[in-house]
């Protein structure tokens, strides 16, 4: 199921998708997932991604409920292969962390995204593909 996006403008002037606007055609595969302890760090990471040329429509900042909903909508045959890897994000979000998910156009962007997220105290940074999960930052 695809959903339409609603853009919200934050005090920092960044456009973020609403938490329920995630396109689920491939989610959670082909995304870098990460967790942030606070909103300010997450917003700064979004800004760095946007400044580096990533499209705001491919960047999602999600709360626990929204991440859980997105995972539920994106369930498919291969979902069980990565479900235990994604439980760590549900646990982090349940504890109040924000989850940042970035849809990649190609695997070559993985290192760039990792390098953009690291200075903003991202943790649990992982690239999730159909058959593998690559741990990029602890």
N, C-alpha and C. Protein backbone atom coordinates (compact mmCIF):
# COMPACT_ATOMS: atom_id res chain seq x y z
N UNK A 1 0.84 -1.16 0.00
CA UNK A 1 0.00 0.00 0.00
C UNK A 1 0.89 1.24 0.00
N UNK A 2 0.58 2.20 -0.83
CA UNK A 2 1.27 3.48 -0.84
C UNK A 2 0.40 4.50 -0.13
N UNK A 3 1.04 5.43 0.58
CA UNK A 3 0.30 6.50 1.21
C UNK A 3 0.82 7.81 0.68
N UNK A 4 0.01 8.83 0.78
CA UNK A 4 0.46 10.14 0.33
C UNK A 4 1.26 10.80 1.44
N UNK A 5 2.11 11.74 1.05
CA UNK A 5 2.97 12.40 2.01
C UNK A 5 2.40 13.75 2.40
N UNK A 6 2.52 14.06 3.67
CA UNK A 6 2.18 15.36 4.18
C UNK A 6 3.47 15.97 4.69
N UNK A 7 3.79 17.16 4.23
CA UNK A 7 5.03 17.78 4.66
C UNK A 7 4.76 18.73 5.80
N UNK A 8 5.61 18.67 6.81
CA UNK A 8 5.57 19.58 7.93
C UNK A 8 6.85 20.38 7.92
N UNK A 9 6.78 21.64 8.26
CA UNK A 9 7.99 22.45 8.34
C UNK A 9 8.34 22.62 9.79
N UNK A 10 9.56 22.29 10.14
CA UNK A 10 10.02 22.41 11.51
C UNK A 10 10.58 23.80 11.73
N UNK A 11 10.89 24.11 12.97
CA UNK A 11 11.48 25.40 13.31
C UNK A 11 12.80 25.61 12.57
N UNK A 12 13.48 24.53 12.24
CA UNK A 12 14.76 24.61 11.55
C UNK A 12 14.58 24.81 10.05
N UNK A 13 13.33 24.84 9.57
CA UNK A 13 13.08 25.07 8.16
C UNK A 13 13.20 23.82 7.30
N UNK A 14 13.32 22.65 7.91
CA UNK A 14 13.44 21.41 7.15
C UNK A 14 12.05 20.84 6.91
N UNK A 15 11.84 20.34 5.74
CA UNK A 15 10.58 19.67 5.44
C UNK A 15 10.74 18.20 5.78
N UNK A 16 9.87 17.70 6.61
CA UNK A 16 9.88 16.29 6.98
C UNK A 16 8.53 15.69 6.64
N UNK A 17 8.54 14.45 6.25
CA UNK A 17 7.27 13.79 5.98
C UNK A 17 6.57 13.55 7.30
N UNK A 18 5.27 13.52 7.25
CA UNK A 18 4.54 13.17 8.45
C UNK A 18 4.89 11.74 8.82
N UNK A 19 4.70 11.41 10.06
CA UNK A 19 5.15 10.11 10.54
C UNK A 19 4.36 8.96 9.94
N UNK A 20 3.23 9.21 9.34
CA UNK A 20 2.44 8.12 8.76
C UNK A 20 2.51 8.09 7.24
N UNK A 21 3.50 8.77 6.66
CA UNK A 21 3.53 8.93 5.22
C UNK A 21 4.51 8.00 4.50
N UNK A 22 5.02 7.01 5.16
CA UNK A 22 6.04 6.15 4.58
C UNK A 22 5.47 5.30 3.46
N UNK A 23 6.14 5.33 2.33
CA UNK A 23 5.76 4.48 1.20
C UNK A 23 6.24 3.07 1.52
N UNK A 24 5.37 2.12 1.47
CA UNK A 24 5.69 0.79 1.95
C UNK A 24 5.95 -0.22 0.83
N UNK A 25 6.12 0.23 -0.39
CA UNK A 25 6.31 -0.73 -1.47
C UNK A 25 7.56 -1.57 -1.26
N UNK A 26 8.61 -1.02 -0.69
CA UNK A 26 9.82 -1.80 -0.45
C UNK A 26 10.24 -1.78 1.01
N UNK A 27 9.60 -0.98 1.82
CA UNK A 27 10.01 -0.87 3.22
C UNK A 27 9.87 -2.21 3.92
N UNK A 28 10.82 -2.64 4.70
CA UNK A 28 12.02 -1.95 5.19
C UNK A 28 13.27 -2.18 4.35
N UNK A 29 13.15 -2.88 3.22
CA UNK A 29 14.33 -3.19 2.41
C UNK A 29 14.77 -1.99 1.58
N UNK A 30 16.08 -1.91 1.34
CA UNK A 30 16.71 -0.83 0.57
C UNK A 30 16.73 0.49 1.33
N UNK A 31 16.70 0.41 2.65
CA UNK A 31 16.74 1.58 3.52
C UNK A 31 17.92 1.46 4.49
N UNK A 32 18.49 2.60 4.85
CA UNK A 32 19.37 2.67 6.01
C UNK A 32 18.47 3.09 7.16
N UNK A 33 18.51 2.30 8.24
CA UNK A 33 17.74 2.58 9.45
C UNK A 33 18.72 3.04 10.51
N UNK A 34 18.29 4.00 11.33
CA UNK A 34 19.15 4.47 12.42
C UNK A 34 18.26 4.99 13.54
N UNK A 35 18.86 5.14 14.72
CA UNK A 35 18.13 5.63 15.89
C UNK A 35 18.84 6.87 16.44
N UNK A 36 18.04 7.76 17.01
CA UNK A 36 18.56 8.99 17.62
C UNK A 36 17.94 9.16 18.99
N UNK A 37 18.76 9.54 19.95
CA UNK A 37 18.28 9.75 21.31
C UNK A 37 17.44 11.01 21.45
N UNK A 38 17.68 11.99 20.58
CA UNK A 38 16.89 13.22 20.70
C UNK A 38 16.56 13.79 19.32
N UNK A 39 15.53 14.59 19.32
CA UNK A 39 15.00 15.16 18.08
C UNK A 39 16.00 16.10 17.41
N UNK A 40 16.72 16.89 18.20
CA UNK A 40 17.67 17.84 17.63
C UNK A 40 18.73 17.14 16.79
N UNK A 41 19.32 16.07 17.32
CA UNK A 41 20.32 15.31 16.55
C UNK A 41 19.71 14.74 15.27
N UNK A 42 18.48 14.22 15.39
CA UNK A 42 17.82 13.64 14.23
C UNK A 42 17.56 14.70 13.16
N UNK A 43 17.11 15.88 13.57
CA UNK A 43 16.85 16.95 12.62
C UNK A 43 18.13 17.44 11.96
N UNK A 44 19.21 17.49 12.72
CA UNK A 44 20.49 17.88 12.13
C UNK A 44 20.95 16.84 11.11
N UNK A 45 20.73 15.57 11.40
CA UNK A 45 21.08 14.52 10.45
C UNK A 45 20.25 14.64 9.18
N UNK A 46 18.96 14.93 9.33
CA UNK A 46 18.11 15.13 8.16
C UNK A 46 18.64 16.30 7.34
N UNK A 47 19.03 17.38 8.00
CA UNK A 47 19.58 18.53 7.30
C UNK A 47 20.84 18.18 6.53
N UNK A 48 21.71 17.37 7.14
CA UNK A 48 22.95 16.96 6.47
C UNK A 48 22.64 16.10 5.24
N UNK A 49 21.66 15.22 5.35
CA UNK A 49 21.25 14.39 4.21
C UNK A 49 20.69 15.24 3.08
N UNK A 50 19.84 16.19 3.43
CA UNK A 50 19.26 17.07 2.42
C UNK A 50 20.33 17.92 1.74
N UNK A 51 21.26 18.44 2.56
CA UNK A 51 22.34 19.26 2.01
C UNK A 51 23.23 18.46 1.07
N UNK A 52 23.36 17.16 1.33
CA UNK A 52 24.17 16.29 0.48
C UNK A 52 23.42 15.86 -0.78
N UNK A 53 22.16 16.28 -0.92
CA UNK A 53 21.43 15.99 -2.14
C UNK A 53 20.37 14.90 -2.04
N UNK A 54 20.16 14.33 -0.87
CA UNK A 54 19.12 13.30 -0.73
C UNK A 54 17.75 13.98 -0.74
N UNK A 55 16.83 13.38 -1.44
CA UNK A 55 15.48 13.91 -1.59
C UNK A 55 14.73 13.75 -0.27
N UNK A 56 14.07 14.81 0.15
CA UNK A 56 13.29 14.76 1.38
C UNK A 56 12.19 13.72 1.36
N UNK A 57 11.75 13.34 0.16
CA UNK A 57 10.71 12.31 0.06
C UNK A 57 11.24 10.92 0.36
N UNK A 58 12.57 10.79 0.49
CA UNK A 58 13.19 9.49 0.80
C UNK A 58 13.70 9.42 2.24
N UNK A 59 13.38 10.43 3.03
CA UNK A 59 13.86 10.53 4.40
C UNK A 59 12.64 10.52 5.33
N UNK A 60 12.63 9.60 6.28
CA UNK A 60 11.49 9.43 7.18
C UNK A 60 11.95 9.44 8.62
N UNK A 61 11.34 10.29 9.42
CA UNK A 61 11.62 10.37 10.85
C UNK A 61 10.39 9.82 11.55
N UNK A 62 10.57 8.69 12.26
CA UNK A 62 9.43 7.93 12.75
C UNK A 62 9.48 7.71 14.26
N UNK A 63 8.32 7.79 14.88
CA UNK A 63 8.17 7.43 16.29
C UNK A 63 7.93 5.92 16.38
N UNK A 64 7.79 5.43 17.59
CA UNK A 64 7.57 4.00 17.80
C UNK A 64 6.32 3.52 17.04
N UNK A 65 5.21 4.17 17.27
CA UNK A 65 3.95 3.72 16.67
C UNK A 65 4.02 3.75 15.15
N UNK A 66 4.64 4.79 14.61
CA UNK A 66 4.72 4.93 13.16
C UNK A 66 5.65 3.89 12.54
N UNK A 67 6.75 3.62 13.22
CA UNK A 67 7.68 2.59 12.72
C UNK A 67 7.00 1.22 12.76
N UNK A 68 6.32 0.95 13.86
CA UNK A 68 5.61 -0.32 13.99
C UNK A 68 4.54 -0.46 12.90
N UNK A 69 3.79 0.61 12.66
CA UNK A 69 2.76 0.58 11.60
C UNK A 69 3.39 0.35 10.23
N UNK A 70 4.49 1.05 9.96
CA UNK A 70 5.16 0.91 8.66
C UNK A 70 5.66 -0.52 8.45
N UNK A 71 6.22 -1.10 9.50
CA UNK A 71 6.68 -2.49 9.38
C UNK A 71 5.50 -3.42 9.11
N UNK A 72 4.39 -3.18 9.77
CA UNK A 72 3.21 -4.01 9.57
C UNK A 72 2.67 -3.91 8.16
N UNK A 73 2.68 -2.70 7.59
CA UNK A 73 2.19 -2.51 6.22
C UNK A 73 3.15 -3.08 5.19
N UNK A 74 4.44 -3.14 5.54
CA UNK A 74 5.44 -3.61 4.58
C UNK A 74 5.73 -5.09 4.68
N UNK A 75 4.92 -5.83 5.44
CA UNK A 75 5.17 -7.26 5.60
C UNK A 75 4.99 -8.00 4.29
N UNK A 76 5.85 -8.93 4.04
CA UNK A 76 5.77 -9.76 2.85
C UNK A 76 6.49 -11.06 3.11
N UNK A 77 6.67 -11.82 2.06
CA UNK A 77 7.28 -13.15 2.17
C UNK A 77 8.66 -13.09 2.83
N UNK A 78 9.49 -12.11 2.47
CA UNK A 78 10.85 -12.04 2.98
C UNK A 78 10.96 -11.30 4.30
N UNK A 79 9.88 -10.79 4.84
CA UNK A 79 9.94 -9.98 6.05
C UNK A 79 10.49 -10.74 7.24
N UNK A 80 10.21 -12.01 7.32
CA UNK A 80 10.70 -12.78 8.47
C UNK A 80 12.22 -12.87 8.48
N UNK A 81 12.86 -12.70 7.33
CA UNK A 81 14.32 -12.76 7.27
C UNK A 81 14.97 -11.62 8.03
N UNK A 82 14.31 -10.48 8.09
CA UNK A 82 14.91 -9.32 8.74
C UNK A 82 14.15 -8.89 9.99
N UNK A 83 13.08 -9.56 10.35
CA UNK A 83 12.25 -9.08 11.45
C UNK A 83 13.01 -8.99 12.76
N UNK A 84 13.86 -9.95 13.07
CA UNK A 84 14.60 -9.86 14.33
C UNK A 84 15.62 -8.74 14.28
N UNK A 85 16.16 -8.45 13.10
CA UNK A 85 17.08 -7.33 12.98
C UNK A 85 16.36 -6.00 13.19
N UNK A 86 15.10 -5.93 12.84
CA UNK A 86 14.34 -4.69 12.97
C UNK A 86 13.75 -4.52 14.36
N UNK A 87 13.66 -5.59 15.14
CA UNK A 87 13.14 -5.49 16.50
C UNK A 87 13.96 -4.52 17.34
N UNK A 88 15.24 -4.39 17.05
CA UNK A 88 16.09 -3.47 17.80
C UNK A 88 15.61 -2.03 17.64
N UNK A 89 15.05 -1.69 16.49
CA UNK A 89 14.53 -0.34 16.27
C UNK A 89 13.21 -0.14 17.01
N UNK A 90 12.38 -1.16 17.01
CA UNK A 90 11.14 -1.06 17.78
C UNK A 90 11.44 -0.87 19.26
N UNK A 91 12.43 -1.59 19.76
CA UNK A 91 12.82 -1.44 21.16
C UNK A 91 13.37 -0.04 21.44
N UNK A 92 14.21 0.46 20.54
CA UNK A 92 14.78 1.79 20.72
C UNK A 92 13.67 2.85 20.67
N UNK A 93 12.76 2.73 19.73
CA UNK A 93 11.67 3.70 19.62
C UNK A 93 10.74 3.62 20.82
N UNK A 94 10.52 2.42 21.32
CA UNK A 94 9.69 2.24 22.51
C UNK A 94 10.29 2.98 23.70
N UNK A 95 11.62 3.09 23.72
CA UNK A 95 12.32 3.81 24.79
C UNK A 95 12.40 5.32 24.52
N UNK A 96 11.77 5.79 23.43
CA UNK A 96 11.72 7.21 23.15
C UNK A 96 12.65 7.70 22.06
N UNK A 97 13.43 6.82 21.46
CA UNK A 97 14.30 7.22 20.36
C UNK A 97 13.46 7.46 19.12
N UNK A 98 13.95 8.34 18.25
CA UNK A 98 13.35 8.52 16.93
C UNK A 98 14.10 7.63 15.94
N UNK A 99 13.38 7.07 15.01
CA UNK A 99 13.97 6.22 13.98
C UNK A 99 14.02 7.01 12.68
N UNK A 100 15.20 7.07 12.10
CA UNK A 100 15.39 7.73 10.82
C UNK A 100 15.64 6.65 9.78
N UNK A 101 14.80 6.64 8.75
CA UNK A 101 14.95 5.67 7.66
C UNK A 101 15.16 6.45 6.36
N UNK A 102 16.18 6.06 5.62
CA UNK A 102 16.52 6.72 4.37
C UNK A 102 16.47 5.70 3.26
N UNK A 103 15.63 5.94 2.27
CA UNK A 103 15.56 5.03 1.12
C UNK A 103 16.70 5.37 0.17
N UNK A 104 17.46 4.35 -0.21
CA UNK A 104 18.61 4.57 -1.08
C UNK A 104 18.27 4.24 -2.53
N UNK A 105 18.86 5.00 -3.42
CA UNK A 105 18.71 4.73 -4.85
C UNK A 105 19.60 3.57 -5.27
N UNK A 106 20.75 3.42 -4.58
CA UNK A 106 21.67 2.32 -4.89
C UNK A 106 22.57 2.04 -3.70
N UNK A 107 23.16 0.87 -3.69
CA UNK A 107 23.99 0.44 -2.57
C UNK A 107 25.22 1.33 -2.39
N UNK A 108 25.66 1.98 -3.45
CA UNK A 108 26.82 2.86 -3.37
C UNK A 108 26.64 4.04 -2.42
N UNK A 109 25.41 4.34 -2.03
CA UNK A 109 25.14 5.44 -1.11
C UNK A 109 25.28 5.06 0.36
N UNK A 110 25.46 3.80 0.65
CA UNK A 110 25.49 3.33 2.04
C UNK A 110 26.57 4.04 2.86
N UNK A 111 27.79 4.05 2.36
CA UNK A 111 28.88 4.67 3.12
C UNK A 111 28.67 6.17 3.27
N UNK A 112 28.17 6.81 2.24
CA UNK A 112 27.91 8.24 2.31
C UNK A 112 26.89 8.55 3.41
N UNK A 113 25.82 7.78 3.46
CA UNK A 113 24.80 7.99 4.48
C UNK A 113 25.39 7.74 5.87
N UNK A 114 26.14 6.67 6.03
CA UNK A 114 26.78 6.40 7.32
C UNK A 114 27.63 7.59 7.76
N UNK A 115 28.43 8.11 6.83
CA UNK A 115 29.32 9.22 7.16
C UNK A 115 28.54 10.51 7.48
N UNK A 116 27.39 10.67 6.90
CA UNK A 116 26.56 11.84 7.19
C UNK A 116 25.84 11.72 8.53
N UNK A 117 25.48 10.50 8.93
CA UNK A 117 24.75 10.29 10.18
C UNK A 117 25.66 10.28 11.40
N UNK A 118 26.86 9.77 11.25
CA UNK A 118 27.76 9.58 12.40
C UNK A 118 28.00 10.85 13.22
N UNK A 119 28.26 12.01 12.63
CA UNK A 119 28.53 13.20 13.44
C UNK A 119 27.32 13.67 14.27
N UNK A 120 26.15 13.14 13.98
CA UNK A 120 24.93 13.56 14.67
C UNK A 120 24.47 12.54 15.70
N UNK A 121 25.39 11.71 16.12
CA UNK A 121 25.17 10.72 17.19
C UNK A 121 24.10 9.67 16.84
N UNK A 122 24.06 9.30 15.56
CA UNK A 122 23.18 8.20 15.16
C UNK A 122 23.75 6.91 15.72
N UNK A 123 22.88 6.01 16.09
CA UNK A 123 23.32 4.68 16.52
C UNK A 123 22.39 3.64 15.90
N UNK A 124 22.81 2.40 16.00
CA UNK A 124 22.08 1.29 15.38
C UNK A 124 21.90 1.54 13.88
N UNK A 125 22.93 2.04 13.24
CA UNK A 125 22.85 2.36 11.82
C UNK A 125 23.10 1.08 11.02
N UNK A 126 22.07 0.68 10.26
CA UNK A 126 22.14 -0.56 9.48
C UNK A 126 21.45 -0.38 8.14
N UNK A 127 22.05 -1.01 7.14
CA UNK A 127 21.41 -1.06 5.83
C UNK A 127 20.69 -2.40 5.73
N UNK A 128 19.40 -2.34 5.42
CA UNK A 128 18.59 -3.55 5.32
C UNK A 128 18.28 -3.81 3.85
N UNK A 129 18.66 -4.99 3.37
CA UNK A 129 18.35 -5.39 2.01
C UNK A 129 17.49 -6.65 2.09
N UNK A 130 17.13 -7.20 0.97
CA UNK A 130 16.25 -8.38 0.95
C UNK A 130 16.87 -9.58 1.66
N UNK A 131 18.18 -9.78 1.51
CA UNK A 131 18.82 -10.97 2.05
C UNK A 131 19.84 -10.68 3.14
N UNK A 132 20.23 -9.43 3.32
CA UNK A 132 21.28 -9.12 4.27
C UNK A 132 20.95 -7.87 5.06
N UNK A 133 21.62 -7.76 6.21
CA UNK A 133 21.58 -6.56 7.02
C UNK A 133 23.04 -6.20 7.29
N UNK A 134 23.46 -5.02 6.86
CA UNK A 134 24.83 -4.57 7.06
C UNK A 134 24.87 -3.60 8.23
N UNK A 135 25.66 -3.93 9.24
CA UNK A 135 25.82 -3.08 10.42
C UNK A 135 26.85 -2.01 10.09
N UNK A 136 26.42 -0.75 10.10
CA UNK A 136 27.29 0.36 9.69
C UNK A 136 27.88 1.11 10.88
N UNK A 137 27.10 1.29 11.93
CA UNK A 137 27.55 1.91 13.18
C UNK A 137 26.83 1.21 14.33
N UNK A 138 27.50 1.07 15.47
CA UNK A 138 26.85 0.40 16.61
C UNK A 138 25.69 1.19 17.18
